[in-house]
Amino acid sequence: MDRVIVLPGLWMPAVSMAWFAARLRALGFDARTLGYRSIVDGARYAIEEIGEALQAGPAHLVGHSLGGVIALEALRGHPALPAGRVVCIGSPLCGSAAARVLRGRRLTGAYLGRAGPLLERGCAQWPHAVEVGMIAGTRPRGLGGLVARFDEPHDGTVAVRETRAPGLADHLLLPASHTGLMFSADAVAQTARFLREGAFDHAGAASAAV
């Protein structure tokens, strides 16, 4: 299986993950991006599109931030879909503190649109047969950190703790910010490694961080 569906995060168009998908294609995957209107439609449209794409044939799923949560929400609601492995990149599977703060304020509550409830609760359960890997960032650069006021490791938007869902097959830390993960060659290489083998190269990640 070499088809890969790549999903962007909140507020991001499909083209925001074009570089990531292109790098996966250079590594031998048939990768394409899938866009959705996160504010207006929330997860509904994306879940429908994922279902249609998988009905056309099995594929791996890769999602940045909200995209990873939506990928697992689609599989949770439709466990018979023929998905391969899933890589979540900076996705708050255990729920986003930044989202809870924004939705709790009158002036910022609308910023997340219909995606807000899903970001708040995350998606920490999915079909047992699906292998899920998580790449989390540890470079604290981003406005989300100011909103949530993290006192723990985070990528500027999502805390590392929020990415540690109990059913993950593997979890990897990279020295990148939330946005930086979208343009990280290490994140692409590690994604490809997990899609092929079901595990990350922790030794390679450690040497790259030095």
C-alpha atoms as a PDB file:
ATOM      1  CA  MET A   1       0.000   0.000   0.000  1.00  0.00           C
ATOM      2  CA  ASP A   2       1.520   3.332  -0.997  1.00  0.00           C
ATOM      3  CA  ARG A   3      -1.443   5.705  -1.256  1.00  0.00           C
ATOM      4  CA  VAL A   4      -1.352   8.462   1.351  1.00  0.00           C
ATOM      5  CA  ILE A   5      -3.996  11.082   2.135  1.00  0.00           C
ATOM      6  CA  VAL A   6      -2.510  14.187   3.778  1.00  0.00           C
ATOM      7  CA  LEU A   7      -4.781  16.494   5.806  1.00  0.00           C
ATOM      8  CA  PRO A   8      -3.983  20.046   6.982  1.00  0.00           C
ATOM      9  CA  GLY A   9      -4.856  21.544  10.339  1.00  0.00           C
ATOM     10  CA  LEU A  10      -7.211  24.273  11.529  1.00  0.00           C
ATOM     11  CA  TRP A  11      -7.590  27.318   9.242  1.00  0.00           C
ATOM     12  CA  MET A  12      -5.177  25.738   6.740  1.00  0.00           C
ATOM     13  CA  PRO A  13      -6.002  25.034   3.063  1.00  0.00           C
ATOM     14  CA  ALA A  14      -4.890  21.846   1.346  1.00  0.00           C
ATOM     15  CA  VAL A  15      -1.967  23.674  -0.253  1.00  0.00           C
ATOM     16  CA  SER A  16      -0.430  24.237   3.188  1.00  0.00           C
ATOM     17  CA  MET A  17       0.534  20.534   3.185  1.00  0.00           C
ATOM     18  CA  ALA A  18       1.607  20.469  -0.472  1.00  0.00           C
ATOM     19  CA  TRP A  19       5.314  20.542   0.424  1.00  0.00           C
ATOM     20  CA  PHE A  20       4.883  17.665   2.877  1.00  0.00           C
ATOM     21  CA  ALA A  21       2.957  15.598   0.315  1.00  0.00           C
ATOM     22  CA  ALA A  22       5.550  16.347  -2.374  1.00  0.00           C
ATOM     23  CA  ARG A  23       8.342  15.119  -0.119  1.00  0.00           C
ATOM     24  CA  LEU A  24       6.398  11.912   0.541  1.00  0.00           C
ATOM     25  CA  ARG A  25       5.992  11.437  -3.217  1.00  0.00           C
ATOM     26  CA  ALA A  26       9.747  11.862  -3.613  1.00  0.00           C
ATOM     27  CA  LEU A  27      10.113   8.980  -1.141  1.00  0.00           C
ATOM     28  CA  GLY A  28       7.918   6.706  -3.250  1.00  0.00           C
ATOM     29  CA  PHE A  29       4.407   7.306  -1.892  1.00  0.00           C
ATOM     30  CA  ASP A  30       1.361   8.253  -3.939  1.00  0.00           C
ATOM     31  CA  ALA A  31       0.521  11.167  -1.640  1.00  0.00           C
ATOM     32  CA  ARG A  32      -2.183  13.779  -2.172  1.00  0.00           C
ATOM     33  CA  THR A  33      -3.658  16.460   0.026  1.00  0.00           C
ATOM     34  CA  LEU A  34      -7.278  16.647   1.102  1.00  0.00           C
ATOM     35  CA  GLY A  35      -8.658  20.075   2.002  1.00  0.00           C
ATOM     36  CA  TYR A  36     -11.717  20.968   4.060  1.00  0.00           C
ATOM     37  CA  ARG A  37     -13.352  24.065   5.513  1.00  0.00           C
ATOM     38  CA  SER A  38     -12.514  23.610   9.172  1.00  0.00           C
ATOM     39  CA  ILE A  39     -14.361  26.713  10.399  1.00  0.00           C
ATOM     40  CA  VAL A  40     -17.578  26.404   8.375  1.00  0.00           C
ATOM     41  CA  ASP A  41     -17.938  22.621   8.136  1.00  0.00           C
ATOM     42  CA  GLY A  42     -15.849  21.378  11.051  1.00  0.00           C
ATOM     43  CA  ALA A  43     -14.984  17.711  10.636  1.00  0.00           C
ATOM     44  CA  ARG A  44     -18.104  16.637   8.726  1.00  0.00           C
ATOM     45  CA  TYR A  45     -16.954  17.347   5.183  1.00  0.00           C
ATOM     46  CA  ALA A  46     -13.460  15.973   5.752  1.00  0.00           C
ATOM     47  CA  ILE A  47     -14.814  12.742   7.236  1.00  0.00           C
ATOM     48  CA  GLU A  48     -17.067  12.272   4.200  1.00  0.00           C
ATOM     49  CA  GLU A  49     -14.137  12.916   1.865  1.00  0.00           C
ATOM     50  CA  ILE A  50     -11.906  10.477   3.750  1.00  0.00           C
ATOM     51  CA  GLY A  51     -14.624   7.840   3.481  1.00  0.00           C
ATOM     52  CA  GLU A  52     -14.972   8.343  -0.264  1.00  0.00           C
ATOM     53  CA  ALA A  53     -11.203   8.269  -0.777  1.00  0.00           C
ATOM     54  CA  LEU A  54     -10.823   5.017   1.179  1.00  0.00           C
ATOM     55  CA  GLN A  55     -13.755   3.389  -0.586  1.00  0.00           C
ATOM     56  CA  ALA A  56     -11.780   3.917  -3.787  1.00  0.00           C
ATOM     57  CA  GLY A  57      -8.957   1.864  -2.289  1.00  0.00           C
ATOM     58  CA  PRO A  58      -6.880   1.447   0.887  1.00  0.00           C
ATOM     59  CA  ALA A  59      -4.650   4.337   1.912  1.00  0.00           C
ATOM     60  CA  HIS A  60      -2.556   5.580   4.793  1.00  0.00           C
ATOM     61  CA  LEU A  61      -3.597   8.812   6.507  1.00  0.00           C
ATOM     62  CA  VAL A  62      -1.313  11.654   7.620  1.00  0.00           C
ATOM     63  CA  GLY A  63      -2.740  14.656   9.444  1.00  0.00           C
ATOM     64  CA  HIS A  64      -1.227  17.793  10.914  1.00  0.00           C
ATOM     65  CA  SER A  65      -2.876  19.071  14.108  1.00  0.00           C
ATOM     66  CA  LEU A  66      -6.671  19.021  13.632  1.00  0.00           C
ATOM     67  CA  GLY A  67      -6.120  16.937  10.490  1.00  0.00           C
ATOM     68  CA  GLY A  68      -4.821  14.053  12.579  1.00  0.00           C
ATOM     69  CA  VAL A  69      -7.764  14.278  14.969  1.00  0.00           C
ATOM     70  CA  ILE A  70     -10.189  14.246  12.046  1.00  0.00           C
ATOM     71  CA  ALA A  71      -8.464  11.233  10.479  1.00  0.00           C
ATOM     72  CA  LEU A  72      -8.951   9.198  13.642  1.00  0.00           C
ATOM     73  CA  GLU A  73     -12.484  10.499  14.161  1.00  0.00           C
ATOM     74  CA  ALA A  74     -13.329   9.231  10.678  1.00  0.00           C
ATOM     75  CA  LEU A  75     -11.955   5.772  11.479  1.00  0.00           C
ATOM     76  CA  ARG A  76     -13.606   5.718  14.901  1.00  0.00           C
ATOM     77  CA  GLY A  77     -17.004   6.391  13.355  1.00  0.00           C
ATOM     78  CA  HIS A  78     -16.445   4.088  10.372  1.00  0.00           C
ATOM     79  CA  PRO A  79     -14.210   1.225  11.550  1.00  0.00           C
ATOM     80  CA  ALA A  80     -14.738  -0.795   8.357  1.00  0.00           C
ATOM     81  CA  LEU A  81     -12.929   1.768   6.196  1.00  0.00           C
ATOM     82  CA  PRO A  82      -9.815   0.195   4.624  1.00  0.00           C
ATOM     83  CA  ALA A  83      -7.229   2.484   6.188  1.00  0.00           C
ATOM     84  CA  GLY A  84      -3.579   1.592   6.530  1.00  0.00           C
ATOM     85  CA  ARG A  85      -1.367   3.254   9.102  1.00  0.00           C
ATOM     86  CA  VAL A  86      -1.976   6.760  10.455  1.00  0.00           C
ATOM     87  CA  VAL A  87       0.585   9.415  11.376  1.00  0.00           C
ATOM     88  CA  CYS A  88      -0.605  12.346  13.458  1.00  0.00           C
ATOM     89  CA  ILE A  89       1.654  15.403  13.536  1.00  0.00           C
ATOM     90  CA  GLY A  90       1.206  17.701  16.517  1.00  0.00           C
ATOM     91  CA  SER A  91      -2.385  16.523  16.959  1.00  0.00           C
ATOM     92  CA  PRO A  92      -4.066  17.081  20.362  1.00  0.00           C
ATOM     93  CA  LEU A  93      -5.651  13.635  20.546  1.00  0.00           C
ATOM     94  CA  CYS A  94      -6.294  14.100  24.272  1.00  0.00           C
ATOM     95  CA  GLY A  95      -7.967  17.477  23.750  1.00  0.00           C
ATOM     96  CA  SER A  96      -6.568  20.984  23.285  1.00  0.00           C
ATOM     97  CA  ALA A  97      -6.188  23.337  26.233  1.00  0.00           C
ATOM     98  CA  ALA A  98      -5.729  26.264  23.842  1.00  0.00           C
ATOM     99  CA  ALA A  99      -9.044  25.408  22.156  1.00  0.00           C
ATOM    100  CA  ARG A 100     -10.824  25.259  25.514  1.00  0.00           C
ATOM    101  CA  VAL A 101      -9.502  28.694  26.477  1.00  0.00           C
ATOM    102  CA  LEU A 102     -10.459  30.254  23.124  1.00  0.00           C
ATOM    103  CA  ARG A 103     -13.955  28.763  23.154  1.00  0.00           C
ATOM    104  CA  GLY A 104     -14.468  29.904  26.734  1.00  0.00           C
ATOM    105  CA  ARG A 105     -13.972  33.572  25.851  1.00  0.00           C
ATOM    106  CA  ARG A 106     -16.715  35.605  24.216  1.00  0.00           C
ATOM    107  CA  LEU A 107     -14.373  37.486  21.874  1.00  0.00           C
ATOM    108  CA  THR A 108     -12.507  34.411  20.627  1.00  0.00           C
ATOM    109  CA  GLY A 109     -15.133  31.681  20.864  1.00  0.00           C
ATOM    110  CA  ALA A 110     -15.982  31.913  17.169  1.00  0.00           C
ATOM    111  CA  TYR A 111     -12.367  31.606  15.976  1.00  0.00           C
ATOM    112  CA  LEU A 112     -12.504  27.805  15.975  1.00  0.00           C
ATOM    113  CA  GLY A 113     -15.894  27.563  14.260  1.00  0.00           C
ATOM    114  CA  ARG A 114     -17.491  24.136  14.077  1.00  0.00           C
ATOM    115  CA  ALA A 115     -14.132  22.458  14.630  1.00  0.00           C
ATOM    116  CA  GLY A 116     -13.990  23.756  18.200  1.00  0.00           C
ATOM    117  CA  PRO A 117     -15.793  20.898  19.981  1.00  0.00           C
ATOM    118  CA  LEU A 118     -13.637  18.234  18.295  1.00  0.00           C
ATOM    119  CA  LEU A 119     -10.434  20.096  19.153  1.00  0.00           C
ATOM    120  CA  GLU A 120     -11.554  20.416  22.761  1.00  0.00           C
ATOM    121  CA  ARG A 121     -12.246  16.723  23.249  1.00  0.00           C
ATOM    122  CA  GLY A 122      -9.735  15.252  20.786  1.00  0.00           C
ATOM    123  CA  CYS A 123      -9.984  11.649  19.623  1.00  0.00           C
ATOM    124  CA  ALA A 124      -8.138   9.194  21.839  1.00  0.00           C
ATOM    125  CA  GLN A 125      -9.926   6.043  20.627  1.00  0.00           C
ATOM    126  CA  TRP A 126      -9.885   4.350  17.236  1.00  0.00           C
ATOM    127  CA  PRO A 127     -10.175   0.790  15.829  1.00  0.00           C
ATOM    128  CA  HIS A 128      -7.598  -1.482  17.490  1.00  0.00           C
ATOM    129  CA  ALA A 129      -6.379  -2.792  14.144  1.00  0.00           C
ATOM    130  CA  VAL A 130      -5.177   0.658  13.048  1.00  0.00           C
ATOM    131  CA  GLU A 131      -1.560   1.477  13.894  1.00  0.00           C
ATOM    132  CA  VAL A 132      -1.178   5.139  14.827  1.00  0.00           C
ATOM    133  CA  GLY A 133       2.076   7.025  15.245  1.00  0.00           C
ATOM    134  CA  MET A 134       2.438  10.498  16.730  1.00  0.00           C
ATOM    135  CA  ILE A 135       5.113  13.099  15.983  1.00  0.00           C
ATOM    136  CA  ALA A 136       5.077  15.906  18.560  1.00  0.00           C
ATOM    137  CA  GLY A 137       7.079  19.126  18.561  1.00  0.00           C
ATOM    138  CA  THR A 138       9.044  20.526  21.488  1.00  0.00           C
ATOM    139  CA  ARG A 139       9.996  24.002  20.233  1.00  0.00           C
ATOM    140  CA  PRO A 140       7.706  26.416  22.148  1.00  0.00           C
ATOM    141  CA  ARG A 141       7.051  29.004  19.456  1.00  0.00           C
ATOM    142  CA  GLY A 142       3.485  30.032  18.730  1.00  0.00           C
ATOM    143  CA  LEU A 143       0.576  32.114  19.941  1.00  0.00           C
ATOM    144  CA  GLY A 144      -1.228  29.058  21.268  1.00  0.00           C
ATOM    145  CA  GLY A 145       1.294  28.831  24.072  1.00  0.00           C
ATOM    146  CA  LEU A 146       0.401  32.344  25.176  1.00  0.00           C
ATOM    147  CA  VAL A 147      -3.287  31.453  25.198  1.00  0.00           C
ATOM    148  CA  ALA A 148      -2.979  28.168  27.088  1.00  0.00           C
ATOM    149  CA  ARG A 149      -0.036  29.300  29.295  1.00  0.00           C
ATOM    150  CA  PHE A 150       1.623  25.875  29.242  1.00  0.00           C
ATOM    151  CA  ASP A 151       3.932  24.997  32.126  1.00  0.00           C
ATOM    152  CA  GLU A 152       5.086  21.819  30.377  1.00  0.00           C
ATOM    153  CA  PRO A 153       6.810  20.872  27.089  1.00  0.00           C
ATOM    154  CA  HIS A 154       4.872  22.113  24.046  1.00  0.00           C
ATOM    155  CA  ASP A 155       5.253  23.165  20.420  1.00  0.00           C
ATOM    156  CA  GLY A 156       3.761  26.635  20.787  1.00  0.00           C
ATOM    157  CA  THR A 157       0.197  25.399  20.269  1.00  0.00           C
ATOM    158  CA  VAL A 158      -0.143  21.837  21.577  1.00  0.00           C
ATOM    159  CA  ALA A 159       1.360  20.377  24.753  1.00  0.00           C
ATOM    160  CA  VAL A 160       3.289  17.125  24.390  1.00  0.00           C
ATOM    161  CA  ARG A 161       0.984  15.629  27.025  1.00  0.00           C
ATOM    162  CA  GLU A 162      -2.004  16.335  24.764  1.00  0.00           C
ATOM    163  CA  THR A 163      -0.472  14.134  22.065  1.00  0.00           C
ATOM    164  CA  ARG A 164       0.105  11.056  24.259  1.00  0.00           C
ATOM    165  CA  ALA A 165      -3.012   8.985  23.627  1.00  0.00           C
ATOM    166  CA  PRO A 166      -2.739   5.531  25.258  1.00  0.00           C
ATOM    167  CA  GLY A 167      -3.337   3.485  22.103  1.00  0.00           C
ATOM    168  CA  LEU A 168      -0.463   4.877  20.045  1.00  0.00           C
ATOM    169  CA  ALA A 169       1.864   2.382  18.392  1.00  0.00           C
ATOM    170  CA  ASP A 170       4.749   4.857  18.682  1.00  0.00           C
ATOM    171  CA  HIS A 171       5.392   8.422  19.837  1.00  0.00           C
ATOM    172  CA  LEU A 172       8.283  10.625  18.718  1.00  0.00           C
ATOM    173  CA  LEU A 173       9.516  14.063  19.785  1.00  0.00           C
ATOM    174  CA  LEU A 174      11.153  16.422  17.297  1.00  0.00           C
ATOM    175  CA  PRO A 175      12.691  19.854  17.999  1.00  0.00           C
ATOM    176  CA  ALA A 176      10.150  21.801  15.931  1.00  0.00           C
ATOM    177  CA  SER A 177       7.298  24.207  16.519  1.00  0.00           C
ATOM    178  CA  HIS A 178       3.679  23.419  15.662  1.00  0.00           C
ATOM    179  CA  THR A 179       3.926  25.145  12.289  1.00  0.00           C
ATOM    180  CA  GLY A 180       7.521  24.043  11.810  1.00  0.00           C
ATOM    181  CA  LEU A 181       6.448  20.396  11.821  1.00  0.00           C
ATOM    182  CA  MET A 182       4.687  21.043   8.495  1.00  0.00           C
ATOM    183  CA  PHE A 183       8.011  21.921   6.881  1.00  0.00           C
ATOM    184  CA  SER A 184      10.345  19.574   8.713  1.00  0.00           C
ATOM    185  CA  ALA A 185      12.383  17.181   6.591  1.00  0.00           C
ATOM    186  CA  ASP A 186      12.829  15.042   9.711  1.00  0.00           C
ATOM    187  CA  ALA A 187       9.048  14.874  10.178  1.00  0.00           C
ATOM    188  CA  VAL A 188       8.637  13.723   6.564  1.00  0.00           C
ATOM    189  CA  ALA A 189      11.353  11.078   6.903  1.00  0.00           C
ATOM    190  CA  GLN A 190       9.900   9.799  10.164  1.00  0.00           C
ATOM    191  CA  THR A 191       6.403   9.735   8.686  1.00  0.00           C
ATOM    192  CA  ALA A 192       7.652   7.631   5.787  1.00  0.00           C
ATOM    193  CA  ARG A 193       9.440   5.305   8.215  1.00  0.00           C
ATOM    194  CA  PHE A 194       6.277   4.746  10.256  1.00  0.00           C
ATOM    195  CA  LEU A 195       4.079   4.217   7.200  1.00  0.00           C
ATOM    196  CA  ARG A 196       6.463   1.519   5.960  1.00  0.00           C
ATOM    197  CA  GLU A 197       7.426  -0.177   9.233  1.00  0.00           C
ATOM    198  CA  GLY A 198       4.945   0.837  11.925  1.00  0.00           C
ATOM    199  CA  ALA A 199       7.656   2.455  14.068  1.00  0.00           C
ATOM    200  CA  PHE A 200       9.771   5.603  14.099  1.00  0.00           C
ATOM    201  CA  ASP A 201      13.571   5.785  13.942  1.00  0.00           C
ATOM    202  CA  HIS A 202      14.248   7.039  17.481  1.00  0.00           C
ATOM    203  CA  ALA A 203      18.009   6.758  17.112  1.00  0.00           C
ATOM    204  CA  GLY A 204      17.923   8.863  13.955  1.00  0.00           C
ATOM    205  CA  ALA A 205      15.703  11.443  15.616  1.00  0.00           C
ATOM    206  CA  ALA A 206      18.085  11.716  18.576  1.00  0.00           C
ATOM    207  CA  SER A 207      21.096  12.274  16.329  1.00  0.00           C
ATOM    208  CA  ALA A 208      19.234  14.862  14.253  1.00  0.00           C
ATOM    209  CA  ALA A 209      18.357  16.799  17.410  1.00  0.00           C
ATOM    210  CA  VAL A 210      21.994  17.158  18.468  1.00  0.00           C
END
